[in-house]
């Protein structure tokens, strides 16, 4: 199963921070394939308070064997047609959601607002 990791999950996993047991089992499943978006790298660079450098993130993504997902035109099309959810205008989240929808990937995220998006499968409390 391919899984798109939200930036918050990616950073928690890299830091060894808390993740629910169900999410840890999912991420440690040998059949799981991890996908991370270049959007997470962009977010890390623009939010230095996250405490991760672009090079550090790149190294961690390589070390975990994840596939890096670039932004494609089909992602932009999905973003263009993505519904607006009240109180959720974060451009990084919206691009990750659009990528997940366009690629047909479930996204692993603790952000409860993600569940409001049609066509998006969110994995967290599973």
PDB file of N, CA and C in Angstrom:
ATOM      1  N   UNK A   1       0.832  -1.170   0.000  1.00  0.00           N
ATOM      2  CA  UNK A   1       0.000   0.000   0.000  1.00  0.00           C
ATOM      3  C   UNK A   1       0.886   1.246   0.000  1.00  0.00           C
ATOM      4  N   UNK A   2       0.594   2.162  -0.923  1.00  0.00           N
ATOM      5  CA  UNK A   2       1.314   3.437  -0.971  1.00  0.00           C
ATOM      6  C   UNK A   2       0.615   4.428  -0.062  1.00  0.00           C
ATOM      7  N   UNK A   3       1.412   5.173   0.703  1.00  0.00           N
ATOM      8  CA  UNK A   3       0.891   6.140   1.662  1.00  0.00           C
ATOM      9  C   UNK A   3       1.577   7.475   1.466  1.00  0.00           C
ATOM     10  N   UNK A   4       0.797   8.533   1.310  1.00  0.00           N
ATOM     11  CA  UNK A   4       1.357   9.878   1.268  1.00  0.00           C
ATOM     12  C   UNK A   4       1.438  10.390   2.706  1.00  0.00           C
ATOM     13  N   UNK A   5       2.606  10.850   3.106  1.00  0.00           N
ATOM     14  CA  UNK A   5       2.801  11.337   4.467  1.00  0.00           C
ATOM     15  C   UNK A   5       2.646  12.852   4.508  1.00  0.00           C
ATOM     16  N   UNK A   6       1.746  13.316   5.362  1.00  0.00           N
ATOM     17  CA  UNK A   6       1.612  14.748   5.610  1.00  0.00           C
ATOM     18  C   UNK A   6       2.902  15.215   6.275  1.00  0.00           C
ATOM     19  N   UNK A   7       3.217  16.473   6.129  1.00  0.00           N
ATOM     20  CA  UNK A   7       4.450  17.024   6.694  1.00  0.00           C
ATOM     21  C   UNK A   7       4.537  16.773   8.196  1.00  0.00           C
ATOM     22  N   UNK A   8       3.413  16.918   8.902  1.00  0.00           N
ATOM     23  CA  UNK A   8       3.462  16.726  10.358  1.00  0.00           C
ATOM     24  C   UNK A   8       3.831  15.294  10.723  1.00  0.00           C
ATOM     25  N   UNK A   9       3.354  14.338   9.984  1.00  0.00           N
ATOM     26  CA  UNK A   9       3.681  12.930  10.243  1.00  0.00           C
ATOM     27  C   UNK A   9       5.129  12.650   9.864  1.00  0.00           C
ATOM     28  N   UNK A  10       5.543  13.168   8.740  1.00  0.00           N
ATOM     29  CA  UNK A  10       6.926  12.993   8.300  1.00  0.00           C
ATOM     30  C   UNK A  10       7.896  13.520   9.354  1.00  0.00           C
ATOM     31  N   UNK A  11       7.653  14.731   9.845  1.00  0.00           N
ATOM     32  CA  UNK A  11       8.555  15.331  10.835  1.00  0.00           C
ATOM     33  C   UNK A  11       8.503  14.590  12.167  1.00  0.00           C
ATOM     34  N   UNK A  12       7.322  14.127  12.562  1.00  0.00           N
ATOM     35  CA  UNK A  12       7.223  13.342  13.808  1.00  0.00           C
ATOM     36  C   UNK A  12       8.006  12.038  13.688  1.00  0.00           C
ATOM     37  N   UNK A  13       7.856  11.386  12.543  1.00  0.00           N
ATOM     38  CA  UNK A  13       8.527  10.100  12.352  1.00  0.00           C
ATOM     39  C   UNK A  13      10.043  10.293  12.358  1.00  0.00           C
ATOM     40  N   UNK A  14      10.513  11.300  11.661  1.00  0.00           N
ATOM     41  CA  UNK A  14      11.948  11.586  11.617  1.00  0.00           C
ATOM     42  C   UNK A  14      12.488  11.871  13.023  1.00  0.00           C
ATOM     43  N   UNK A  15      11.716  12.616  13.815  1.00  0.00           N
ATOM     44  CA  UNK A  15      12.156  13.008  15.160  1.00  0.00           C
ATOM     45  C   UNK A  15      11.940  11.913  16.199  1.00  0.00           C
ATOM     46  N   UNK A  16      11.264  10.845  15.820  1.00  0.00           N
ATOM     47  CA  UNK A  16      10.946   9.802  16.783  1.00  0.00           C
ATOM     48  C   UNK A  16       9.895  10.257  17.791  1.00  0.00           C
ATOM     49  N   UNK A  17       9.077  11.229  17.401  1.00  0.00           N
ATOM     50  CA  UNK A  17       8.040  11.779  18.280  1.00  0.00           C
ATOM     51  C   UNK A  17       6.801  10.882  18.268  1.00  0.00           C
ATOM     52  N   UNK A  18       5.870  11.203  19.141  1.00  0.00           N
ATOM     53  CA  UNK A  18       4.664  10.403  19.310  1.00  0.00           C
ATOM     54  C   UNK A  18       3.870  10.253  18.021  1.00  0.00           C
ATOM     55  N   UNK A  19       3.499   9.011  17.764  1.00  0.00           N
ATOM     56  CA  UNK A  19       2.532   8.662  16.735  1.00  0.00           C
ATOM     57  C   UNK A  19       1.624   7.601  17.358  1.00  0.00           C
ATOM     58  N   UNK A  20       0.340   7.611  17.068  1.00  0.00           N
ATOM     59  CA  UNK A  20      -0.526   6.552  17.600  1.00  0.00           C
ATOM     60  C   UNK A  20      -0.019   5.178  17.184  1.00  0.00           C
ATOM     61  N   UNK A  21      -0.259   4.199  18.023  1.00  0.00           N
ATOM     62  CA  UNK A  21       0.210   2.825  17.724  1.00  0.00           C
ATOM     63  C   UNK A  21      -0.271   2.334  16.371  1.00  0.00           C
ATOM     64  N   UNK A  22      -1.530   2.642  16.048  1.00  0.00           N
ATOM     65  CA  UNK A  22      -2.066   2.185  14.764  1.00  0.00           C
ATOM     66  C   UNK A  22      -1.276   2.793  13.598  1.00  0.00           C
ATOM     67  N   UNK A  23      -0.860   4.041  13.740  1.00  0.00           N
ATOM     68  CA  UNK A  23      -0.073   4.696  12.691  1.00  0.00           C
ATOM     69  C   UNK A  23       1.339   4.107  12.655  1.00  0.00           C
ATOM     70  N   UNK A  24       1.932   3.877  13.814  1.00  0.00           N
ATOM     71  CA  UNK A  24       3.262   3.238  13.849  1.00  0.00           C
ATOM     72  C   UNK A  24       3.229   1.879  13.154  1.00  0.00           C
ATOM     73  N   UNK A  25       2.209   1.079  13.448  1.00  0.00           N
ATOM     74  CA  UNK A  25       2.095  -0.245  12.797  1.00  0.00           C
ATOM     75  C   UNK A  25       1.976  -0.082  11.290  1.00  0.00           C
ATOM     76  N   UNK A  26       1.175   0.871  10.871  1.00  0.00           N
ATOM     77  CA  UNK A  26       0.986   1.135   9.447  1.00  0.00           C
ATOM     78  C   UNK A  26       2.312   1.517   8.791  1.00  0.00           C
ATOM     79  N   UNK A  27       3.056   2.410   9.435  1.00  0.00           N
ATOM     80  CA  UNK A  27       4.314   2.882   8.864  1.00  0.00           C
ATOM     81  C   UNK A  27       5.407   1.808   8.896  1.00  0.00           C
ATOM     82  N   UNK A  28       5.323   0.890   9.846  1.00  0.00           N
ATOM     83  CA  UNK A  28       6.331  -0.169   9.954  1.00  0.00           C
ATOM     84  C   UNK A  28       5.962  -1.415   9.153  1.00  0.00           C
ATOM     85  N   UNK A  29       4.820  -1.399   8.521  1.00  0.00           N
ATOM     86  CA  UNK A  29       4.385  -2.528   7.710  1.00  0.00           C
ATOM     87  C   UNK A  29       5.351  -2.688   6.540  1.00  0.00           C
ATOM     88  N   UNK A  30       5.954  -3.874   6.386  1.00  0.00           N
ATOM     89  CA  UNK A  30       6.925  -4.059   5.310  1.00  0.00           C
ATOM     90  C   UNK A  30       6.335  -3.906   3.902  1.00  0.00           C
ATOM     91  N   UNK A  31       5.020  -4.005   3.783  1.00  0.00           N
ATOM     92  CA  UNK A  31       4.386  -3.845   2.465  1.00  0.00           C
ATOM     93  C   UNK A  31       4.042  -2.392   2.162  1.00  0.00           C
ATOM     94  N   UNK A  32       4.222  -1.512   3.138  1.00  0.00           N
ATOM     95  CA  UNK A  32       3.895  -0.090   2.941  1.00  0.00           C
ATOM     96  C   UNK A  32       4.978   0.588   2.111  1.00  0.00           C
ATOM     97  N   UNK A  33       4.547   1.432   1.203  1.00  0.00           N
ATOM     98  CA  UNK A  33       5.450   2.270   0.410  1.00  0.00           C
ATOM     99  C   UNK A  33       5.156   3.712   0.789  1.00  0.00           C
ATOM    100  N   UNK A  34       6.194   4.436   1.168  1.00  0.00           N
ATOM    101  CA  UNK A  34       6.034   5.805   1.620  1.00  0.00           C
ATOM    102  C   UNK A  34       6.268   6.775   0.477  1.00  0.00           C
ATOM    103  N   UNK A  35       5.379   7.740   0.392  1.00  0.00           N
ATOM    104  CA  UNK A  35       5.499   8.800  -0.586  1.00  0.00           C
ATOM    105  C   UNK A  35       5.527  10.109   0.195  1.00  0.00           C
ATOM    106  N   UNK A  36       6.505  10.937  -0.091  1.00  0.00           N
ATOM    107  CA  UNK A  36       6.566  12.267   0.500  1.00  0.00           C
ATOM    108  C   UNK A  36       6.559  13.273  -0.642  1.00  0.00           C
ATOM    109  N   UNK A  37       5.976  14.399  -0.378  1.00  0.00           N
ATOM    110  CA  UNK A  37       5.841  15.411  -1.414  1.00  0.00           C
ATOM    111  C   UNK A  37       6.926  16.467  -1.293  1.00  0.00           C
ATOM    112  N   UNK A  38       7.330  16.989  -2.413  1.00  0.00           N
ATOM    113  CA  UNK A  38       8.245  18.128  -2.428  1.00  0.00           C
ATOM    114  C   UNK A  38       7.605  19.305  -1.693  1.00  0.00           C
ATOM    115  N   UNK A  39       6.280  19.298  -1.586  1.00  0.00           N
ATOM    116  CA  UNK A  39       5.559  20.329  -0.849  1.00  0.00           C
ATOM    117  C   UNK A  39       6.023  20.360   0.613  1.00  0.00           C
ATOM    118  N   UNK A  40       6.327  19.198   1.183  1.00  0.00           N
ATOM    119  CA  UNK A  40       6.828  19.156   2.563  1.00  0.00           C
ATOM    120  C   UNK A  40       8.175  19.852   2.674  1.00  0.00           C
ATOM    121  N   UNK A  41       9.027  19.671   1.686  1.00  0.00           N
ATOM    122  CA  UNK A  41      10.305  20.378   1.673  1.00  0.00           C
ATOM    123  C   UNK A  41      10.113  21.871   1.564  1.00  0.00           C
ATOM    124  N   UNK A  42       9.194  22.278   0.741  1.00  0.00           N
ATOM    125  CA  UNK A  42       8.883  23.691   0.555  1.00  0.00           C
ATOM    126  C   UNK A  42       8.364  24.282   1.869  1.00  0.00           C
ATOM    127  N   UNK A  43       7.483  23.535   2.536  1.00  0.00           N
ATOM    128  CA  UNK A  43       6.934  23.998   3.813  1.00  0.00           C
ATOM    129  C   UNK A  43       8.021  24.143   4.878  1.00  0.00           C
ATOM    130  N   UNK A  44       8.928  23.176   4.941  1.00  0.00           N
ATOM    131  CA  UNK A  44      10.021  23.215   5.921  1.00  0.00           C
ATOM    132  C   UNK A  44      10.906  24.441   5.710  1.00  0.00           C
ATOM    133  N   UNK A  45      11.199  24.748   4.459  1.00  0.00           N
ATOM    134  CA  UNK A  45      12.050  25.904   4.154  1.00  0.00           C
ATOM    135  C   UNK A  45      11.357  27.216   4.529  1.00  0.00           C
ATOM    136  N   UNK A  46      10.058  27.309   4.276  1.00  0.00           N
ATOM    137  CA  UNK A  46       9.328  28.544   4.555  1.00  0.00           C
ATOM    138  C   UNK A  46       8.873  28.678   6.012  1.00  0.00           C
ATOM    139  N   UNK A  47       9.011  27.601   6.776  1.00  0.00           N
ATOM    140  CA  UNK A  47       8.643  27.626   8.195  1.00  0.00           C
ATOM    141  C   UNK A  47       9.846  27.160   9.026  1.00  0.00           C
ATOM    142  N   UNK A  48      10.860  28.008   9.167  1.00  0.00           N
ATOM    143  CA  UNK A  48      12.079  27.590   9.869  1.00  0.00           C
ATOM    144  C   UNK A  48      11.843  27.177  11.315  1.00  0.00           C
ATOM    145  N   UNK A  49      10.730  27.593  11.911  1.00  0.00           N
ATOM    146  CA  UNK A  49      10.425  27.183  13.282  1.00  0.00           C
ATOM    147  C   UNK A  49      10.243  25.665  13.402  1.00  0.00           C
ATOM    148  N   UNK A  50      10.056  24.990  12.271  1.00  0.00           N
ATOM    149  CA  UNK A  50       9.923  23.530  12.295  1.00  0.00           C
ATOM    150  C   UNK A  50      11.247  22.855  12.653  1.00  0.00           C
ATOM    151  N   UNK A  51      12.348  23.608  12.475  1.00  0.00           N
ATOM    152  CA  UNK A  51      13.645  23.125  12.936  1.00  0.00           C
ATOM    153  C   UNK A  51      14.314  22.069  12.081  1.00  0.00           C
ATOM    154  N   UNK A  52      13.952  21.983  10.817  1.00  0.00           N
ATOM    155  CA  UNK A  52      14.554  21.005   9.909  1.00  0.00           C
ATOM    156  C   UNK A  52      15.048  21.741   8.676  1.00  0.00           C
ATOM    157  N   UNK A  53      16.251  21.434   8.255  1.00  0.00           N
ATOM    158  CA  UNK A  53      16.779  22.044   7.035  1.00  0.00           C
ATOM    159  C   UNK A  53      16.316  21.246   5.814  1.00  0.00           C
ATOM    160  N   UNK A  54      16.378  21.869   4.675  1.00  0.00           N
ATOM    161  CA  UNK A  54      16.014  21.188   3.433  1.00  0.00           C
ATOM    162  C   UNK A  54      16.916  19.977   3.200  1.00  0.00           C
ATOM    163  N   UNK A  55      18.213  20.149   3.430  1.00  0.00           N
ATOM    164  CA  UNK A  55      19.159  19.041   3.234  1.00  0.00           C
ATOM    165  C   UNK A  55      18.897  17.931   4.246  1.00  0.00           C
ATOM    166  N   UNK A  56      18.595  18.316   5.489  1.00  0.00           N
ATOM    167  CA  UNK A  56      18.283  17.323   6.515  1.00  0.00           C
ATOM    168  C   UNK A  56      17.050  16.522   6.160  1.00  0.00           C
ATOM    169  N   UNK A  57      16.036  17.208   5.632  1.00  0.00           N
ATOM    170  CA  UNK A  57      14.816  16.525   5.228  1.00  0.00           C
ATOM    171  C   UNK A  57      15.081  15.606   4.048  1.00  0.00           C
ATOM    172  N   UNK A  58      15.833  16.075   3.083  1.00  0.00           N
ATOM    173  CA  UNK A  58      16.163  15.247   1.920  1.00  0.00           C
ATOM    174  C   UNK A  58      16.875  13.975   2.354  1.00  0.00           C
ATOM    175  N   UNK A  59      17.832  14.100   3.254  1.00  0.00           N
ATOM    176  CA  UNK A  59      18.577  12.939   3.746  1.00  0.00           C
ATOM    177  C   UNK A  59      17.645  11.971   4.466  1.00  0.00           C
ATOM    178  N   UNK A  60      16.774  12.498   5.321  1.00  0.00           N
ATOM    179  CA  UNK A  60      15.843  11.644   6.062  1.00  0.00           C
ATOM    180  C   UNK A  60      14.893  10.901   5.124  1.00  0.00           C
ATOM    181  N   UNK A  61      14.415  11.584   4.096  1.00  0.00           N
ATOM    182  CA  UNK A  61      13.519  10.954   3.126  1.00  0.00           C
ATOM    183  C   UNK A  61      14.245   9.834   2.389  1.00  0.00           C
ATOM    184  N   UNK A  62      15.479  10.070   1.996  1.00  0.00           N
ATOM    185  CA  UNK A  62      16.270   9.021   1.333  1.00  0.00           C
ATOM    186  C   UNK A  62      16.510   7.849   2.276  1.00  0.00           C
ATOM    187  N   UNK A  63      16.855   8.158   3.536  1.00  0.00           N
ATOM    188  CA  UNK A  63      17.142   7.108   4.513  1.00  0.00           C
ATOM    189  C   UNK A  63      15.930   6.229   4.791  1.00  0.00           C
ATOM    190  N   UNK A  64      14.747   6.801   4.741  1.00  0.00           N
ATOM    191  CA  UNK A  64      13.554   6.001   5.005  1.00  0.00           C
ATOM    192  C   UNK A  64      13.058   5.285   3.753  1.00  0.00           C
ATOM    193  N   UNK A  65      13.703   5.524   2.627  1.00  0.00           N
ATOM    194  CA  UNK A  65      13.341   4.829   1.393  1.00  0.00           C
ATOM    195  C   UNK A  65      12.050   5.321   0.769  1.00  0.00           C
ATOM    196  N   UNK A  66      11.687   6.541   1.050  1.00  0.00           N
ATOM    197  CA  UNK A  66      10.444   7.097   0.511  1.00  0.00           C
ATOM    198  C   UNK A  66      10.638   7.588  -0.921  1.00  0.00           C
ATOM    199  N   UNK A  67       9.546   7.601  -1.642  1.00  0.00           N
ATOM    200  CA  UNK A  67       9.518   8.155  -2.982  1.00  0.00           C
ATOM    201  C   UNK A  67       9.137   9.622  -2.876  1.00  0.00           C
ATOM    202  N   UNK A  68       9.841  10.468  -3.603  1.00  0.00           N
ATOM    203  CA  UNK A  68       9.541  11.895  -3.595  1.00  0.00           C
ATOM    204  C   UNK A  68       8.568  12.216  -4.723  1.00  0.00           C
ATOM    205  N   UNK A  69       7.459  12.835  -4.369  1.00  0.00           N
ATOM    206  CA  UNK A  69       6.417  13.190  -5.329  1.00  0.00           C
ATOM    207  C   UNK A  69       6.565  14.652  -5.733  1.00  0.00           C
ATOM    208  N   UNK A  70       6.845  14.914  -7.016  1.00  0.00           N
ATOM    209  CA  UNK A  70       6.914  16.302  -7.475  1.00  0.00           C
ATOM    210  C   UNK A  70       5.500  16.848  -7.675  1.00  0.00           C
ATOM    211  N   UNK A  71       5.404  18.134  -7.914  1.00  0.00           N
ATOM    212  CA  UNK A  71       4.110  18.729  -8.256  1.00  0.00           C
ATOM    213  C   UNK A  71       3.917  18.575  -9.761  1.00  0.00           C
ATOM    214  N   UNK A  72       2.800  17.970 -10.130  1.00  0.00           N
ATOM    215  CA  UNK A  72       2.465  17.724 -11.534  1.00  0.00           C
ATOM    216  C   UNK A  72       1.245  18.568 -11.913  1.00  0.00           C
ATOM    217  N   UNK A  73       1.026  18.713 -13.196  1.00  0.00           N
ATOM    218  CA  UNK A  73      -0.123  19.496 -13.643  1.00  0.00           C
ATOM    219  C   UNK A  73      -1.444  18.877 -13.199  1.00  0.00           C
ATOM    220  N   UNK A  74      -1.512  17.554 -13.098  1.00  0.00           N
ATOM    221  CA  UNK A  74      -2.758  16.950 -12.622  1.00  0.00           C
ATOM    222  C   UNK A  74      -3.003  17.300 -11.155  1.00  0.00           C
ATOM    223  N   UNK A  75      -1.948  17.570 -10.408  1.00  0.00           N
ATOM    224  CA  UNK A  75      -2.102  18.016  -9.018  1.00  0.00           C
ATOM    225  C   UNK A  75      -2.646  19.447  -8.985  1.00  0.00           C
ATOM    226  N   UNK A  76      -2.137  20.261  -9.886  1.00  0.00           N
ATOM    227  CA  UNK A  76      -2.627  21.643  -9.968  1.00  0.00           C
ATOM    228  C   UNK A  76      -4.100  21.672 -10.373  1.00  0.00           C
ATOM    229  N   UNK A  77      -4.473  20.779 -11.275  1.00  0.00           N
ATOM    230  CA  UNK A  77      -5.877  20.683 -11.683  1.00  0.00           C
ATOM    231  C   UNK A  77      -6.747  20.265 -10.499  1.00  0.00           C
ATOM    232  N   UNK A  78      -6.282  19.283  -9.733  1.00  0.00           N
ATOM    233  CA  UNK A  78      -7.029  18.848  -8.545  1.00  0.00           C
ATOM    234  C   UNK A  78      -7.130  19.980  -7.531  1.00  0.00           C
ATOM    235  N   UNK A  79      -6.059  20.749  -7.373  1.00  0.00           N
ATOM    236  CA  UNK A  79      -6.066  21.883  -6.457  1.00  0.00           C
ATOM    237  C   UNK A  79      -7.073  22.936  -6.907  1.00  0.00           C
ATOM    238  N   UNK A  80      -7.101  23.181  -8.213  1.00  0.00           N
ATOM    239  CA  UNK A  80      -8.029  24.168  -8.773  1.00  0.00           C
ATOM    240  C   UNK A  80      -9.483  23.793  -8.481  1.00  0.00           C
ATOM    241  N   UNK A  81      -9.767  22.492  -8.433  1.00  0.00           N
ATOM    242  CA  UNK A  81     -11.134  22.017  -8.237  1.00  0.00           C
ATOM    243  C   UNK A  81     -11.418  21.585  -6.800  1.00  0.00           C
ATOM    244  N   UNK A  82     -10.469  21.743  -5.922  1.00  0.00           N
ATOM    245  CA  UNK A  82     -10.639  21.361  -4.526  1.00  0.00           C
ATOM    246  C   UNK A  82     -11.621  22.314  -3.844  1.00  0.00           C
ATOM    247  N   UNK A  83     -12.563  21.745  -3.119  1.00  0.00           N
ATOM    248  CA  UNK A  83     -13.520  22.585  -2.411  1.00  0.00           C
ATOM    249  C   UNK A  83     -12.822  23.345  -1.286  1.00  0.00           C
ATOM    250  N   UNK A  84     -13.389  24.484  -0.923  1.00  0.00           N
ATOM    251  CA  UNK A  84     -12.871  25.257   0.206  1.00  0.00           C
ATOM    252  C   UNK A  84     -13.528  24.762   1.469  1.00  0.00           C
ATOM    253  N   UNK A  85     -12.698  24.446   2.437  1.00  0.00           N
ATOM    254  CA  UNK A  85     -13.185  24.025   3.740  1.00  0.00           C
ATOM    255  C   UNK A  85     -12.957  25.194   4.685  1.00  0.00           C
ATOM    256  N   UNK A  86     -14.001  25.560   5.413  1.00  0.00           N
ATOM    257  CA  UNK A  86     -13.917  26.704   6.315  1.00  0.00           C
ATOM    258  C   UNK A  86     -12.764  26.541   7.290  1.00  0.00           C
ATOM    259  N   UNK A  87     -12.029  27.621   7.501  1.00  0.00           N
ATOM    260  CA  UNK A  87     -10.889  27.660   8.431  1.00  0.00           C
ATOM    261  C   UNK A  87      -9.740  26.735   8.022  1.00  0.00           C
ATOM    262  N   UNK A  88      -9.649  26.449   6.733  1.00  0.00           N
ATOM    263  CA  UNK A  88      -8.525  25.624   6.281  1.00  0.00           C
ATOM    264  C   UNK A  88      -8.003  26.146   4.952  1.00  0.00           C
ATOM    265  N   UNK A  89      -7.167  27.168   5.034  1.00  0.00           N
ATOM    266  CA  UNK A  89      -6.620  27.780   3.823  1.00  0.00           C
ATOM    267  C   UNK A  89      -5.121  27.537   3.694  1.00  0.00           C
ATOM    268  N   UNK A  90      -4.541  26.686   4.542  1.00  0.00           N
ATOM    269  CA  UNK A  90      -3.100  26.437   4.491  1.00  0.00           C
ATOM    270  C   UNK A  90      -2.726  25.915   3.106  1.00  0.00           C
ATOM    271  N   UNK A  91      -1.906  26.661   2.356  1.00  0.00           N
ATOM    272  CA  UNK A  91      -1.594  26.256   0.983  1.00  0.00           C
ATOM    273  C   UNK A  91      -0.812  24.947   0.897  1.00  0.00           C
ATOM    274  N   UNK A  92      -0.001  24.647   1.897  1.00  0.00           N
ATOM    275  CA  UNK A  92       0.758  23.391   1.879  1.00  0.00           C
ATOM    276  C   UNK A  92      -0.191  22.209   2.072  1.00  0.00           C
ATOM    277  N   UNK A  93      -1.084  22.322   3.034  1.00  0.00           N
ATOM    278  CA  UNK A  93      -2.070  21.259   3.254  1.00  0.00           C
ATOM    279  C   UNK A  93      -2.927  21.054   2.017  1.00  0.00           C
ATOM    280  N   UNK A  94      -3.391  22.142   1.440  1.00  0.00           N
ATOM    281  CA  UNK A  94      -4.277  22.015   0.282  1.00  0.00           C
ATOM    282  C   UNK A  94      -3.571  21.367  -0.907  1.00  0.00           C
ATOM    283  N   UNK A  95      -2.285  21.668  -1.094  1.00  0.00           N
ATOM    284  CA  UNK A  95      -1.553  21.036  -2.188  1.00  0.00           C
ATOM    285  C   UNK A  95      -1.340  19.548  -1.905  1.00  0.00           C
ATOM    286  N   UNK A  96      -1.020  19.198  -0.669  1.00  0.00           N
ATOM    287  CA  UNK A  96      -0.871  17.781  -0.311  1.00  0.00           C
ATOM    288  C   UNK A  96      -2.189  17.027  -0.514  1.00  0.00           C
ATOM    289  N   UNK A  97      -3.293  17.654  -0.133  1.00  0.00           N
ATOM    290  CA  UNK A  97      -4.606  17.038  -0.326  1.00  0.00           C
ATOM    291  C   UNK A  97      -4.876  16.842  -1.821  1.00  0.00           C
ATOM    292  N   UNK A  98      -4.589  17.859  -2.621  1.00  0.00           N
ATOM    293  CA  UNK A  98      -4.790  17.754  -4.066  1.00  0.00           C
ATOM    294  C   UNK A  98      -3.931  16.639  -4.652  1.00  0.00           C
ATOM    295  N   UNK A  99      -2.692  16.529  -4.198  1.00  0.00           N
ATOM    296  CA  UNK A  99      -1.827  15.456  -4.689  1.00  0.00           C
ATOM    297  C   UNK A  99      -2.388  14.092  -4.314  1.00  0.00           C
ATOM    298  N   UNK A 100      -2.830  13.947  -3.066  1.00  0.00           N
ATOM    299  CA  UNK A 100      -3.390  12.669  -2.627  1.00  0.00           C
ATOM    300  C   UNK A 100      -4.614  12.291  -3.460  1.00  0.00           C
ATOM    301  N   UNK A 101      -5.490  13.261  -3.685  1.00  0.00           N
ATOM    302  CA  UNK A 101      -6.697  13.002  -4.469  1.00  0.00           C
ATOM    303  C   UNK A 101      -6.326  12.639  -5.908  1.00  0.00           C
ATOM    304  N   UNK A 102      -5.457  13.424  -6.523  1.00  0.00           N
ATOM    305  CA  UNK A 102      -5.082  13.184  -7.927  1.00  0.00           C
ATOM    306  C   UNK A 102      -4.367  11.842  -8.114  1.00  0.00           C
ATOM    307  N   UNK A 103      -3.582  11.438  -7.128  1.00  0.00           N
ATOM    308  CA  UNK A 103      -2.823  10.189  -7.230  1.00  0.00           C
ATOM    309  C   UNK A 103      -3.593   8.987  -6.687  1.00  0.00           C
ATOM    310  N   UNK A 104      -4.750   9.238  -6.051  1.00  0.00           N
ATOM    311  CA  UNK A 104      -5.524   8.155  -5.456  1.00  0.00           C
ATOM    312  C   UNK A 104      -4.815   7.525  -4.265  1.00  0.00           C
ATOM    313  N   UNK A 105      -4.076   8.349  -3.513  1.00  0.00           N
ATOM    314  CA  UNK A 105      -3.322   7.858  -2.367  1.00  0.00           C
ATOM    315  C   UNK A 105      -4.001   8.238  -1.055  1.00  0.00           C
ATOM    316  N   UNK A 106      -4.020   7.326  -0.087  1.00  0.00           N
ATOM    317  CA  UNK A 106      -4.439   7.753   1.249  1.00  0.00           C
ATOM    318  C   UNK A 106      -3.343   8.627   1.842  1.00  0.00           C
ATOM    319  N   UNK A 107      -3.732   9.570   2.689  1.00  0.00           N
ATOM    320  CA  UNK A 107      -2.757  10.441   3.332  1.00  0.00           C
ATOM    321  C   UNK A 107      -2.760  10.160   4.827  1.00  0.00           C
ATOM    322  N   UNK A 108      -1.578  10.072   5.393  1.00  0.00           N
ATOM    323  CA  UNK A 108      -1.438   9.877   6.828  1.00  0.00           C
ATOM    324  C   UNK A 108      -1.257  11.257   7.439  1.00  0.00           C
ATOM    325  N   UNK A 109      -2.249  11.677   8.251  1.00  0.00           N
ATOM    326  CA  UNK A 109      -2.227  13.020   8.829  1.00  0.00           C
ATOM    327  C   UNK A 109      -3.037  13.060  10.116  1.00  0.00           C
ATOM    328  N   UNK A 110      -2.570  13.863  11.055  1.00  0.00           N
ATOM    329  CA  UNK A 110      -3.312  14.081  12.297  1.00  0.00           C
ATOM    330  C   UNK A 110      -4.286  15.242  12.172  1.00  0.00           C
ATOM    331  N   UNK A 111      -4.267  15.946  11.069  1.00  0.00           N
ATOM    332  CA  UNK A 111      -5.102  17.126  10.886  1.00  0.00           C
ATOM    333  C   UNK A 111      -6.549  16.703  10.621  1.00  0.00           C
ATOM    334  N   UNK A 112      -7.401  16.931  11.598  1.00  0.00           N
ATOM    335  CA  UNK A 112      -8.804  16.524  11.501  1.00  0.00           C
ATOM    336  C   UNK A 112      -9.556  17.250  10.391  1.00  0.00           C
ATOM    337  N   UNK A 113      -9.079  18.408   9.963  1.00  0.00           N
ATOM    338  CA  UNK A 113      -9.754  19.147   8.890  1.00  0.00           C
ATOM    339  C   UNK A 113      -9.674  18.401   7.568  1.00  0.00           C
ATOM    340  N   UNK A 114      -8.688  17.524   7.409  1.00  0.00           N
ATOM    341  CA  UNK A 114      -8.535  16.782   6.158  1.00  0.00           C
ATOM    342  C   UNK A 114      -9.756  15.916   5.864  1.00  0.00           C
ATOM    343  N   UNK A 115     -10.425  15.438   6.903  1.00  0.00           N
ATOM    344  CA  UNK A 115     -11.560  14.532   6.699  1.00  0.00           C
ATOM    345  C   UNK A 115     -12.740  15.216   6.009  1.00  0.00           C
ATOM    346  N   UNK A 116     -12.737  16.540   5.928  1.00  0.00           N
ATOM    347  CA  UNK A 116     -13.830  17.278   5.283  1.00  0.00           C
ATOM    348  C   UNK A 116     -13.725  17.264   3.758  1.00  0.00           C
ATOM    349  N   UNK A 117     -12.614  16.799   3.215  1.00  0.00           N
ATOM    350  CA  UNK A 117     -12.409  16.834   1.766  1.00  0.00           C
ATOM    351  C   UNK A 117     -12.915  15.551   1.115  1.00  0.00           C
ATOM    352  N   UNK A 118     -13.809  15.738   0.153  1.00  0.00           N
ATOM    353  CA  UNK A 118     -14.370  14.602  -0.576  1.00  0.00           C
ATOM    354  C   UNK A 118     -13.287  13.934  -1.418  1.00  0.00           C
ATOM    355  N   UNK A 119     -13.331  12.626  -1.446  1.00  0.00           N
ATOM    356  CA  UNK A 119     -12.403  11.869  -2.269  1.00  0.00           C
ATOM    357  C   UNK A 119     -11.054  11.642  -1.609  1.00  0.00           C
ATOM    358  N   UNK A 120     -10.887  12.083  -0.364  1.00  0.00           N
ATOM    359  CA  UNK A 120      -9.622  11.942   0.347  1.00  0.00           C
ATOM    360  C   UNK A 120      -9.758  10.912   1.449  1.00  0.00           C
ATOM    361  N   UNK A 121      -8.874   9.941   1.436  1.00  0.00           N
ATOM    362  CA  UNK A 121      -8.848   8.939   2.507  1.00  0.00           C
ATOM    363  C   UNK A 121      -7.755   9.336   3.482  1.00  0.00           C
ATOM    364  N   UNK A 122      -8.138   9.630   4.717  1.00  0.00           N
ATOM    365  CA  UNK A 122      -7.200  10.066   5.755  1.00  0.00           C
ATOM    366  C   UNK A 122      -6.989   8.915   6.728  1.00  0.00           C
ATOM    367  N   UNK A 123      -5.731   8.611   6.976  1.00  0.00           N
ATOM    368  CA  UNK A 123      -5.380   7.564   7.925  1.00  0.00           C
ATOM    369  C   UNK A 123      -4.752   8.199   9.152  1.00  0.00           C
ATOM    370  N   UNK A 124      -5.347   7.973  10.286  1.00  0.00           N
ATOM    371  CA  UNK A 124      -4.764   8.424  11.561  1.00  0.00           C
ATOM    372  C   UNK A 124      -5.270   7.525  12.672  1.00  0.00           C
ATOM    373  N   UNK A 125      -6.501   7.716  13.082  1.00  0.00           N
ATOM    374  CA  UNK A 125      -7.075   6.861  14.120  1.00  0.00           C
ATOM    375  C   UNK A 125      -7.721   5.655  13.461  1.00  0.00           C
ATOM    376  N   UNK A 126      -6.859   4.729  13.066  1.00  0.00           N
ATOM    377  CA  UNK A 126      -7.339   3.558  12.329  1.00  0.00           C
ATOM    378  C   UNK A 126      -7.252   2.306  13.166  1.00  0.00           C
TER     379      UNK A 126
END
